[in-house]
N, C-alpha and C. Protein backbone atom coordinates (compact mmCIF):
# COMPACT_ATOMS: atom_id res chain seq x y z
N UNK A 1 131.76 113.78 -42.31
CA UNK A 1 131.47 114.35 -41.46
C UNK A 1 131.76 115.57 -40.64
N UNK A 2 133.06 115.98 -40.59
CA UNK A 2 133.46 116.87 -40.15
C UNK A 2 133.44 118.13 -40.60
N UNK A 3 133.13 117.87 -42.29
CA UNK A 3 132.41 119.19 -42.96
C UNK A 3 131.35 119.51 -42.72
N UNK A 4 130.49 118.30 -42.15
CA UNK A 4 128.90 119.03 -41.38
C UNK A 4 129.06 119.45 -40.33
N UNK A 5 129.81 118.80 -39.41
CA UNK A 5 130.00 119.17 -38.14
C UNK A 5 130.79 120.64 -38.11
N UNK A 6 131.67 120.82 -38.92
CA UNK A 6 132.20 122.32 -39.02
C UNK A 6 130.85 123.15 -39.49
N UNK A 7 129.79 122.88 -40.44
CA UNK A 7 128.86 123.62 -41.09
C UNK A 7 128.18 123.82 -39.99
N UNK A 8 127.64 122.89 -39.29
CA UNK A 8 126.35 123.09 -38.13
C UNK A 8 127.43 124.01 -36.95
N UNK A 9 128.41 123.61 -36.50
CA UNK A 9 129.04 124.99 -35.77
C UNK A 9 128.95 126.19 -35.85
N UNK A 10 129.28 126.46 -37.22
CA UNK A 10 129.17 127.85 -38.36
C UNK A 10 127.73 128.06 -37.75
N UNK A 11 127.04 127.31 -38.42
CA UNK A 11 125.28 127.85 -38.65
C UNK A 11 125.12 128.11 -37.17
N UNK A 12 124.94 127.14 -36.49
CA UNK A 12 125.25 127.89 -34.46
C UNK A 12 125.71 128.93 -34.58
N UNK A 13 126.70 129.19 -34.48
CA UNK A 13 127.33 130.38 -33.76
C UNK A 13 126.87 131.47 -34.67
N UNK A 14 126.46 131.66 -35.93
CA UNK A 14 125.77 132.60 -36.31
C UNK A 14 124.17 133.17 -35.73
N UNK A 15 123.52 132.09 -35.58
CA UNK A 15 122.50 131.78 -34.89
C UNK A 15 122.27 132.81 -33.20
N UNK A 16 123.75 132.01 -33.04
CA UNK A 16 123.38 132.34 -31.55
C UNK A 16 124.12 133.97 -31.24
N UNK A 17 124.65 134.75 -32.50
CA UNK A 17 125.59 136.14 -32.50
C UNK A 17 124.20 136.80 -33.03
N UNK A 18 123.11 136.88 -33.63
CA UNK A 18 122.49 137.25 -34.23
C UNK A 18 121.54 137.99 -33.46
N UNK A 19 121.13 137.72 -32.28
CA UNK A 19 120.45 138.68 -30.86
C UNK A 19 121.46 139.89 -31.10
N UNK A 20 122.51 139.76 -31.19
CA UNK A 20 123.56 140.69 -30.43
C UNK A 20 123.89 141.65 -31.65
N UNK A 21 123.51 141.34 -33.32
CA UNK A 21 123.73 141.97 -34.00
C UNK A 21 122.26 142.99 -34.11
N UNK A 22 121.76 142.31 -33.75
CA UNK A 22 120.05 143.03 -33.96
C UNK A 22 120.40 144.38 -32.62
N UNK A 23 121.08 144.33 -31.92
CA UNK A 23 120.93 145.39 -30.95
C UNK A 23 121.01 146.78 -31.56
N UNK A 24 120.76 147.83 -30.79
CA UNK A 24 121.28 149.38 -31.47
C UNK A 24 122.77 149.53 -31.73
N UNK A 25 123.04 150.14 -32.35
CA UNK A 25 124.73 150.63 -32.52
C UNK A 25 124.72 151.81 -32.06
N UNK A 26 124.64 151.82 -30.91
CA UNK A 26 124.45 153.06 -30.07
C UNK A 26 124.17 154.62 -30.36
N UNK A 27 122.93 154.43 -30.60
CA UNK A 27 121.91 155.06 -31.01
C UNK A 27 121.37 156.22 -30.05
N UNK A 28 121.67 157.79 -29.62
CA UNK A 28 121.20 158.39 -28.58
C UNK A 28 120.53 159.45 -29.26
N UNK A 29 119.70 159.64 -28.44
CA UNK A 29 118.49 160.87 -29.28
C UNK A 29 119.08 162.35 -29.17
N UNK A 30 119.18 163.22 -29.78
CA UNK A 30 119.90 164.55 -29.74
C UNK A 30 119.01 165.26 -28.55
N UNK A 31 119.96 165.48 -28.00
CA UNK A 31 119.74 166.78 -26.83
C UNK A 31 118.64 167.55 -26.91
N UNK A 32 117.92 168.00 -26.11
CA UNK A 32 117.03 168.89 -26.64
C UNK A 32 117.78 170.50 -26.69
N UNK A 33 117.47 171.24 -27.69
CA UNK A 33 118.07 172.50 -27.83
C UNK A 33 118.06 173.58 -27.03
N UNK A 34 119.08 174.59 -26.72
CA UNK A 34 119.22 174.98 -25.71
C UNK A 34 117.94 176.18 -25.74
N UNK A 35 117.10 176.40 -24.37
CA UNK A 35 116.41 177.72 -24.75
C UNK A 35 117.11 178.97 -25.75
N UNK A 36 116.39 179.82 -26.69
CA UNK A 36 116.59 180.60 -27.10
C UNK A 36 116.74 181.80 -25.64
N UNK A 37 118.43 182.92 -26.03
CA UNK A 37 118.40 183.52 -24.88
C UNK A 37 117.40 184.59 -25.04
N UNK A 38 117.08 185.52 -23.90
CA UNK A 38 115.71 186.77 -24.51
C UNK A 38 116.22 187.52 -25.13
N UNK A 39 115.00 188.53 -26.09
CA UNK A 39 114.72 188.83 -27.04
C UNK A 39 114.36 190.82 -26.44
N UNK A 40 113.24 190.29 -25.69
CA UNK A 40 112.57 191.71 -25.54
C UNK A 40 113.42 192.50 -23.91
N UNK A 41 113.52 193.80 -24.22
CA UNK A 41 113.76 194.42 -23.33
C UNK A 41 112.82 195.55 -22.49
N UNK A 42 113.19 195.54 -20.96
CA UNK A 42 112.57 196.77 -20.14
C UNK A 42 113.67 197.53 -19.64
N UNK A 43 113.74 198.72 -19.99
CA UNK A 43 114.36 199.90 -19.39
C UNK A 43 114.11 200.75 -18.10
N UNK A 44 114.42 200.69 -17.41
CA UNK A 44 114.07 201.97 -16.19
C UNK A 44 115.06 202.55 -15.67
N UNK A 45 115.36 204.08 -16.36
CA UNK A 45 116.10 204.80 -15.98
C UNK A 45 116.10 206.45 -15.48
N UNK A 46 116.87 206.78 -15.00
CA UNK A 46 117.05 208.04 -14.43
C UNK A 46 118.37 208.95 -14.50
N UNK A 47 118.09 210.32 -14.86
CA UNK A 47 119.14 210.71 -15.49
C UNK A 47 118.69 212.56 -15.29
N UNK A 48 119.54 213.01 -16.23
CA UNK A 48 119.20 214.60 -16.58
C UNK A 48 119.07 214.79 -17.60
N UNK A 49 118.14 216.49 -18.35
CA UNK A 49 118.36 216.38 -19.36
C UNK A 49 118.32 218.38 -19.40
N UNK A 50 118.51 218.47 -20.66
CA UNK A 50 119.18 219.85 -20.76
C UNK A 50 118.16 220.35 -21.64
N UNK A 51 117.22 221.24 -21.85
CA UNK A 51 116.50 221.74 -22.62
C UNK A 51 116.39 223.23 -22.92
N UNK A 52 116.09 223.67 -24.33
CA UNK A 52 116.19 225.22 -24.79
C UNK A 52 114.77 225.47 -25.37
N UNK A 53 114.50 226.61 -25.39
CA UNK A 53 113.15 226.97 -26.35
C UNK A 53 113.72 228.00 -27.17
N UNK A 54 112.99 228.26 -28.10
CA UNK A 54 113.05 229.09 -29.06
C UNK A 54 111.52 229.44 -30.08
N UNK A 55 111.52 231.07 -29.52
CA UNK A 55 109.90 230.94 -30.03
C UNK A 55 110.30 232.51 -31.01
N UNK A 56 109.32 232.28 -32.67
CA UNK A 56 109.42 232.96 -33.19
C UNK A 56 108.12 233.19 -33.69
N UNK A 57 107.46 234.23 -33.20
CA UNK A 57 105.96 234.80 -33.16
C UNK A 57 105.49 235.13 -34.66
N UNK A 58 106.83 235.70 -35.46
CA UNK A 58 106.55 236.09 -36.95
C UNK A 58 106.97 235.03 -38.05
N UNK A 59 107.16 233.35 -37.84
CA UNK A 59 107.20 232.64 -38.31
C UNK A 59 109.40 232.69 -38.30
N UNK A 60 110.47 232.00 -38.40
CA UNK A 60 111.53 231.63 -38.66
C UNK A 60 112.25 232.64 -39.39
N UNK A 61 111.21 233.30 -40.46
CA UNK A 61 111.82 234.58 -41.25
C UNK A 61 111.88 236.03 -40.25
N UNK A 62 111.28 235.88 -39.15
CA UNK A 62 111.14 237.32 -38.53
C UNK A 62 112.50 237.18 -37.31
N UNK A 63 111.82 237.90 -36.20
CA UNK A 63 112.47 237.90 -35.17
C UNK A 63 112.19 236.86 -34.22
N UNK A 64 113.31 236.24 -33.85
CA UNK A 64 112.96 234.80 -32.49
C UNK A 64 113.41 235.10 -31.69
N UNK A 65 113.21 234.54 -30.44
CA UNK A 65 113.59 234.55 -28.95
C UNK A 65 113.83 233.63 -28.41
N UNK A 66 115.18 233.28 -27.87
CA UNK A 66 115.54 232.02 -27.21
C UNK A 66 115.80 232.00 -25.83
N UNK A 67 115.26 231.34 -25.30
CA UNK A 67 116.05 230.97 -23.33
C UNK A 67 116.75 230.40 -23.36
N UNK A 68 117.08 230.44 -22.16
CA UNK A 68 118.58 229.97 -21.51
C UNK A 68 118.29 228.50 -21.42
N UNK A 69 119.17 227.62 -21.67
CA UNK A 69 118.64 226.18 -21.42
C UNK A 69 118.63 226.42 -20.12
N UNK A 70 117.56 225.15 -19.85
CA UNK A 70 117.39 224.69 -18.40
C UNK A 70 117.13 222.83 -18.00
N UNK A 71 117.93 222.83 -16.82
CA UNK A 71 117.56 221.50 -16.48
C UNK A 71 116.60 221.06 -16.21
N UNK A 72 116.79 219.21 -16.23
CA UNK A 72 115.25 218.88 -15.80
C UNK A 72 115.94 217.25 -15.54
N UNK A 73 115.20 216.96 -14.22
CA UNK A 73 115.30 215.71 -13.94
C UNK A 73 114.61 214.50 -14.66
N UNK A 74 115.02 213.06 -15.34
CA UNK A 74 114.69 212.70 -16.24
C UNK A 74 114.44 211.20 -15.62
N UNK A 75 113.22 210.72 -15.64
CA UNK A 75 112.98 209.42 -15.54
C UNK A 75 111.59 209.02 -16.24
N UNK A 76 112.23 208.05 -16.86
CA UNK A 76 112.09 206.90 -18.34
C UNK A 76 111.83 205.35 -17.90
N UNK A 77 111.55 205.20 -18.63
CA UNK A 77 110.92 203.69 -19.15
C UNK A 77 110.88 203.48 -20.42
N UNK A 78 111.37 202.38 -20.89
CA UNK A 78 111.38 201.96 -22.65
C UNK A 78 111.27 200.57 -21.86
N UNK A 79 110.29 199.99 -23.55
CA UNK A 79 110.06 198.65 -23.39
C UNK A 79 110.44 198.51 -25.30
N UNK A 80 111.52 197.47 -25.60
CA UNK A 80 112.04 197.27 -26.70
C UNK A 80 110.84 195.56 -26.80
N UNK A 81 110.48 195.47 -27.92
CA UNK A 81 109.83 193.97 -28.60
C UNK A 81 110.39 193.74 -30.00
N UNK A 82 110.71 192.85 -29.81
CA UNK A 82 111.37 191.81 -30.73
C UNK A 82 110.72 192.30 -32.17
N UNK A 83 110.87 192.40 -33.28
CA UNK A 83 110.09 192.08 -34.49
C UNK A 83 110.96 191.02 -35.11
N UNK A 84 110.64 190.13 -34.80
CA UNK A 84 111.05 188.68 -35.84
C UNK A 84 112.29 188.59 -35.48
N UNK A 85 113.02 187.93 -36.14
CA UNK A 85 114.65 187.29 -35.32
C UNK A 85 115.52 188.10 -35.59
N UNK A 86 115.55 189.33 -36.18
CA UNK A 86 116.79 190.25 -36.63
C UNK A 86 117.08 191.17 -35.82
N UNK A 87 117.58 192.29 -35.92
CA UNK A 87 118.37 193.40 -35.28
C UNK A 87 117.04 194.77 -34.87
N UNK A 88 116.07 194.70 -35.03
CA UNK A 88 114.97 195.68 -35.26
C UNK A 88 114.02 195.14 -34.38
N UNK A 89 113.56 196.57 -33.45
CA UNK A 89 112.84 196.03 -32.07
C UNK A 89 111.64 197.37 -32.34
N UNK A 90 110.36 196.84 -31.99
CA UNK A 90 109.83 198.15 -31.68
C UNK A 90 109.89 198.88 -30.18
N UNK A 91 110.21 199.73 -29.81
CA UNK A 91 110.18 200.50 -28.60
C UNK A 91 109.23 201.65 -28.23
N UNK A 92 108.70 200.97 -27.43
CA UNK A 92 107.29 201.51 -26.84
C UNK A 92 107.97 202.18 -25.08
N UNK A 93 107.73 203.89 -25.05
CA UNK A 93 108.33 204.51 -23.82
C UNK A 93 107.59 205.43 -23.34
N UNK A 94 107.89 205.56 -22.04
CA UNK A 94 107.64 207.33 -21.36
C UNK A 94 108.73 207.63 -20.64
N UNK A 95 108.22 209.46 -20.50
CA UNK A 95 109.39 209.96 -19.80
C UNK A 95 108.66 211.03 -19.44
N UNK A 96 109.85 211.64 -17.82
CA UNK A 96 108.91 212.41 -17.46
C UNK A 96 110.34 213.35 -17.01
N UNK A 97 110.03 214.52 -17.41
CA UNK A 97 110.97 216.00 -17.43
C UNK A 97 110.57 216.82 -16.30
N UNK A 98 110.84 216.37 -15.35
CA UNK A 98 110.51 217.45 -14.03
C UNK A 98 111.71 218.64 -13.90
N UNK A 99 111.11 219.66 -14.42
CA UNK A 99 111.81 221.36 -14.19
C UNK A 99 111.27 221.66 -12.76
N UNK A 100 112.35 222.49 -12.43
CA UNK A 100 112.24 223.62 -11.41
C UNK A 100 111.14 224.65 -11.17
N UNK A 101 110.00 224.11 -10.58
CA UNK A 101 108.60 224.95 -10.76
C UNK A 101 109.22 226.54 -10.46
N UNK A 102 110.04 227.12 -9.45
CA UNK A 102 110.14 227.91 -9.34
C UNK A 102 111.18 229.18 -10.50
N UNK A 103 111.44 228.33 -11.83
CA UNK A 103 111.84 229.08 -12.39
C UNK A 103 111.28 229.47 -13.45
N UNK A 104 110.19 228.92 -13.70
CA UNK A 104 108.53 229.23 -14.45
C UNK A 104 109.11 228.22 -16.04
N UNK A 105 109.84 227.21 -16.00
CA UNK A 105 110.16 226.54 -16.90
C UNK A 105 108.58 225.39 -16.75
N UNK A 106 108.49 224.63 -18.25
CA UNK A 106 107.41 223.34 -17.59
C UNK A 106 108.16 222.49 -17.61
N UNK A 107 107.18 221.18 -16.50
CA UNK A 107 107.64 220.04 -16.69
C UNK A 107 107.15 219.56 -18.08
N UNK A 108 107.81 218.24 -18.57
CA UNK A 108 107.10 217.60 -19.82
C UNK A 108 106.78 215.89 -19.28
N UNK A 109 105.79 215.69 -19.69
CA UNK A 109 105.18 214.05 -20.19
C UNK A 109 105.60 213.81 -21.47
N UNK A 110 106.33 212.93 -21.72
CA UNK A 110 106.19 212.23 -23.02
C UNK A 110 106.36 211.13 -23.29
N UNK A 111 105.08 210.10 -24.23
CA UNK A 111 105.27 209.23 -24.37
C UNK A 111 105.73 208.96 -25.69
N UNK A 112 106.70 208.00 -26.31
CA UNK A 112 107.37 207.34 -27.50
C UNK A 112 107.19 206.50 -28.16
N UNK A 113 107.16 206.47 -29.66
CA UNK A 113 107.22 205.24 -30.24
C UNK A 113 108.16 205.30 -30.66
N UNK A 114 109.19 204.46 -31.26
CA UNK A 114 110.42 204.28 -32.57
C UNK A 114 110.98 202.87 -32.29
N UNK A 115 111.56 203.13 -33.36
CA UNK A 115 112.33 201.65 -33.91
C UNK A 115 113.57 201.50 -33.50
N UNK A 116 114.17 200.59 -32.69
CA UNK A 116 115.34 200.58 -32.12
C UNK A 116 116.07 199.37 -33.06
N UNK A 117 117.51 199.63 -33.44
CA UNK A 117 118.31 199.15 -34.07
C UNK A 117 119.28 198.05 -32.87
N UNK A 118 119.54 196.80 -32.58
CA UNK A 118 120.27 196.29 -31.45
C UNK A 118 121.66 195.39 -32.43
N UNK A 119 123.00 196.18 -32.12
CA UNK A 119 123.52 195.28 -32.66
C UNK A 119 124.64 194.66 -31.83
N UNK A 120 124.59 192.95 -32.19
CA UNK A 120 125.31 192.22 -31.39
C UNK A 120 124.50 192.26 -29.75
N UNK A 121 123.55 191.31 -30.25
CA UNK A 121 122.57 191.76 -28.63
C UNK A 121 122.79 190.85 -27.88
N UNK A 122 123.82 190.01 -27.91
CA UNK A 122 123.84 188.84 -26.89
C UNK A 122 125.69 188.99 -26.44
N UNK A 123 126.03 189.88 -26.83
CA UNK A 123 127.49 190.52 -26.77
C UNK A 123 127.36 190.78 -25.27
N UNK A 124 128.55 191.49 -24.49
CA UNK A 124 128.67 192.16 -23.35
C UNK A 124 128.51 193.19 -23.37
N UNK A 125 128.91 194.45 -24.34
CA UNK A 125 128.34 195.74 -24.24
C UNK A 125 127.67 195.16 -26.01
N UNK A 126 126.27 195.70 -26.12
CA UNK A 126 125.79 195.82 -27.34
C UNK A 126 125.36 197.30 -27.15
N UNK A 127 125.59 197.81 -28.69
CA UNK A 127 125.31 199.34 -28.81
C UNK A 127 124.01 198.89 -29.23
N UNK A 128 123.43 200.16 -29.51
CA UNK A 128 121.78 200.41 -30.01
C UNK A 128 121.55 201.75 -30.61
N UNK A 129 120.87 201.74 -31.85
CA UNK A 129 120.16 203.10 -32.03
C UNK A 129 118.80 203.60 -32.24
N UNK A 130 118.33 204.41 -31.72
CA UNK A 130 117.12 204.57 -31.89
C UNK A 130 116.44 205.55 -32.44
N UNK A 131 115.53 205.71 -33.42
CA UNK A 131 114.85 207.00 -33.61
C UNK A 131 112.88 206.49 -33.68
N UNK A 132 112.43 207.96 -33.52
CA UNK A 132 111.51 207.65 -33.12
C UNK A 132 110.53 209.27 -33.21
N UNK A 133 109.19 209.17 -32.63
CA UNK A 133 108.86 210.52 -32.05
C UNK A 133 107.76 210.25 -31.06
N UNK A 134 107.93 211.46 -30.49
CA UNK A 134 106.91 211.34 -29.21
C UNK A 134 105.93 212.39 -29.05
N UNK A 135 105.18 212.84 -27.73
CA UNK A 135 104.36 213.73 -28.23
C UNK A 135 104.45 213.97 -26.95
N UNK A 136 104.36 215.56 -26.91
CA UNK A 136 104.67 216.06 -25.97
C UNK A 136 103.56 217.11 -25.21
N UNK A 137 103.43 216.58 -23.51
CA UNK A 137 102.68 217.56 -22.72
C UNK A 137 102.87 217.96 -21.62
N UNK A 138 102.83 219.57 -21.26
CA UNK A 138 103.39 219.99 -20.38
C UNK A 138 102.72 220.24 -19.25
N UNK A 139 103.03 220.68 -18.18
CA UNK A 139 102.24 220.81 -17.12
C UNK A 139 101.12 222.11 -17.20
N UNK A 140 101.29 222.75 -18.19
CA UNK A 140 100.84 223.91 -17.72
C UNK A 140 99.84 223.48 -19.04
N UNK A 141 99.53 222.11 -19.34
CA UNK A 141 98.28 221.99 -20.75
C UNK A 141 98.86 221.66 -22.47
N UNK A 142 99.66 222.62 -22.45
CA UNK A 142 100.53 222.76 -23.61
C UNK A 142 100.88 221.38 -24.14
N UNK A 143 100.55 221.36 -25.68
CA UNK A 143 100.76 219.88 -26.39
C UNK A 143 101.86 219.69 -27.53
N UNK A 144 102.22 219.06 -27.74
CA UNK A 144 103.39 219.28 -28.72
C UNK A 144 103.65 217.86 -29.27
N UNK A 145 104.61 217.55 -30.09
CA UNK A 145 105.21 216.31 -30.42
C UNK A 145 106.54 216.87 -31.32
N UNK A 146 107.10 215.55 -31.08
CA UNK A 146 108.93 216.08 -31.09
C UNK A 146 109.72 214.68 -31.63
N UNK A 147 110.60 214.72 -32.65
CA UNK A 147 111.37 213.88 -33.53
C UNK A 147 112.98 213.62 -32.45
N UNK A 148 112.92 212.06 -32.25
CA UNK A 148 113.75 211.66 -31.17
C UNK A 148 114.92 211.00 -31.94
N UNK A 149 115.94 210.85 -31.60
CA UNK A 149 117.06 210.45 -32.24
C UNK A 149 118.04 210.20 -30.90
N UNK A 150 118.88 208.84 -30.96
CA UNK A 150 120.02 208.80 -30.10
C UNK A 150 120.26 207.15 -30.28
N UNK A 151 121.10 207.03 -29.35
CA UNK A 151 121.50 205.42 -28.93
C UNK A 151 122.03 205.45 -27.52
N UNK A 152 122.61 204.18 -27.18
CA UNK A 152 122.99 203.83 -26.17
C UNK A 152 123.72 202.44 -25.87
N UNK A 153 123.85 202.20 -24.85
CA UNK A 153 124.71 200.80 -24.45
C UNK A 153 124.28 199.99 -23.26
N UNK A 154 124.16 198.75 -24.15
CA UNK A 154 123.61 197.72 -22.87
C UNK A 154 124.99 196.97 -22.22
N UNK A 155 124.87 196.73 -20.94
CA UNK A 155 126.11 196.36 -20.34
C UNK A 155 125.48 194.69 -20.05
N UNK A 156 126.05 193.44 -20.41
CA UNK A 156 125.55 192.21 -19.61
C UNK A 156 124.27 192.11 -20.60
N UNK A 157 124.69 192.31 -21.62
CA UNK A 157 123.73 191.71 -22.58
C UNK A 157 122.78 190.59 -22.52
N UNK A 158 123.33 189.26 -22.35
CA UNK A 158 122.72 188.05 -22.15
C UNK A 158 122.54 187.49 -20.72
N UNK A 159 122.85 188.14 -19.71
CA UNK A 159 122.09 188.19 -18.45
C UNK A 159 120.66 188.81 -18.62
N UNK A 160 120.05 187.92 -17.66
CA UNK A 160 118.72 188.43 -17.28
C UNK A 160 118.61 190.18 -16.88
N UNK A 161 119.46 190.43 -15.88
CA UNK A 161 119.20 191.60 -15.49
C UNK A 161 121.10 192.47 -16.45
N UNK A 162 120.70 193.73 -16.82
CA UNK A 162 121.68 194.61 -17.56
C UNK A 162 122.24 195.91 -17.13
N UNK A 163 122.39 196.36 -17.28
CA UNK A 163 122.85 198.05 -17.03
C UNK A 163 122.64 198.69 -18.35
N UNK A 164 121.97 199.71 -18.76
CA UNK A 164 121.76 200.42 -20.00
C UNK A 164 122.06 201.90 -19.62
N UNK A 165 122.88 202.33 -20.74
CA UNK A 165 123.14 203.96 -20.63
C UNK A 165 122.44 204.58 -21.96
N UNK A 166 121.81 205.41 -22.00
CA UNK A 166 121.52 205.94 -23.10
C UNK A 166 121.31 207.40 -23.54
N UNK A 167 121.63 208.15 -24.52
CA UNK A 167 121.51 209.11 -25.13
C UNK A 167 120.78 209.97 -25.85
N UNK A 168 119.77 210.70 -25.89
CA UNK A 168 118.90 211.36 -27.06
C UNK A 168 118.85 212.72 -27.01
N UNK A 169 118.51 212.60 -28.23
CA UNK A 169 117.90 213.84 -28.79
C UNK A 169 116.91 214.14 -29.53
N UNK A 170 116.29 215.34 -28.91
CA UNK A 170 114.91 215.42 -29.16
C UNK A 170 114.56 216.92 -29.81
N UNK A 171 113.56 216.95 -30.54
CA UNK A 171 113.99 218.28 -31.31
C UNK A 171 112.18 218.02 -31.58
N UNK A 172 111.53 219.59 -31.26
CA UNK A 172 109.92 219.29 -31.24
C UNK A 172 109.86 221.05 -30.94
N UNK A 173 108.26 220.67 -30.72
CA UNK A 173 107.88 222.06 -30.56
C UNK A 173 106.44 221.33 -29.50
N UNK A 174 106.47 222.50 -28.50
CA UNK A 174 105.47 222.12 -27.04
C UNK A 174 104.73 223.99 -27.34
N UNK A 175 103.49 223.92 -27.40
CA UNK A 175 103.15 224.67 -27.53
C UNK A 175 102.87 225.81 -27.98
N UNK A 176 103.96 225.72 -29.33
CA UNK A 176 104.31 226.37 -30.35
C UNK A 176 105.30 226.82 -30.17
N UNK A 177 106.20 226.74 -29.21
CA UNK A 177 107.36 227.28 -28.91
C UNK A 177 108.31 226.01 -29.43
N UNK A 178 109.59 226.30 -30.05
CA UNK A 178 110.46 225.10 -30.66
C UNK A 178 111.50 224.50 -29.17
N UNK A 179 111.47 223.36 -28.62
CA UNK A 179 111.84 222.91 -28.10
C UNK A 179 113.36 221.89 -28.54
N UNK A 180 114.34 222.06 -28.10
CA UNK A 180 115.32 221.34 -28.04
C UNK A 180 115.82 220.53 -27.13
N UNK A 181 116.13 219.10 -26.90
CA UNK A 181 116.57 218.46 -25.46
C UNK A 181 117.59 217.57 -25.78
N UNK A 182 118.51 217.30 -24.31
CA UNK A 182 119.55 216.16 -24.60
C UNK A 182 119.01 215.63 -23.56
N UNK A 183 119.26 214.58 -23.68
CA UNK A 183 118.90 213.49 -22.37
C UNK A 183 119.59 212.50 -22.30
N UNK A 184 120.44 212.32 -21.10
CA UNK A 184 121.54 211.57 -20.65
C UNK A 184 120.64 210.57 -19.75
N UNK A 185 120.54 209.19 -19.54
CA UNK A 185 120.04 208.15 -18.42
C UNK A 185 121.04 207.31 -18.44
N UNK A 186 120.81 206.83 -17.00
CA UNK A 186 121.25 205.36 -16.61
C UNK A 186 120.43 204.54 -15.89
N UNK A 187 120.30 203.03 -15.91
CA UNK A 187 119.35 202.34 -15.19
C UNK A 187 119.38 200.79 -15.50
N UNK A 188 118.79 200.06 -15.05
CA UNK A 188 118.58 198.75 -15.19
C UNK A 188 118.04 198.18 -16.56
N UNK A 189 118.52 197.37 -16.76
CA UNK A 189 117.36 196.80 -18.12
C UNK A 189 117.13 195.29 -17.92
N UNK A 190 116.00 194.87 -17.60
CA UNK A 190 115.58 193.68 -17.35
C UNK A 190 114.95 192.83 -18.95
N UNK A 191 115.87 191.99 -19.21
CA UNK A 191 115.52 191.07 -20.38
C UNK A 191 114.87 189.49 -20.24
N UNK A 192 113.61 189.93 -21.26
CA UNK A 192 113.04 188.56 -20.91
C UNK A 192 112.33 188.06 -22.23
């Protein structure tokens, strides 16, 4: 009888414990992933530019005339759009170079498109390189095109608003006259 009683107690204990064993074993849902950091950027900058021109009426084999360099106020805006998950961005922008009108040098409006390579985009300081083309429109209705090469630094790259510094070299032609530019600009960079 003791054996039967022991077997019944063991069976009753197992039956009583089975609902507790059926409970979950601490399974928790994974937390939702963090929102990805912003990849696109809008830069609004102000700065200065140094321009010089070279005119060769008989082509570069003949006599050429060079002007003294002149300065211009630079106001620019660039929009960087991420192309996939890599470091390559499509950059669309425009800049206005306001020359002093009493010196006779042209003011230039330059819409541009290019490719930007951003290195370490979420670091506190992230460098970038840019190459592109621009369409030059002078205030005297002259037109032309240019090749743009340069780079810059973005400070506070992972925050919603950062600081951008850019240095660009621009080589092209405006109304048949060769134009070279060096542009330096600084301003806020909005990440979205």
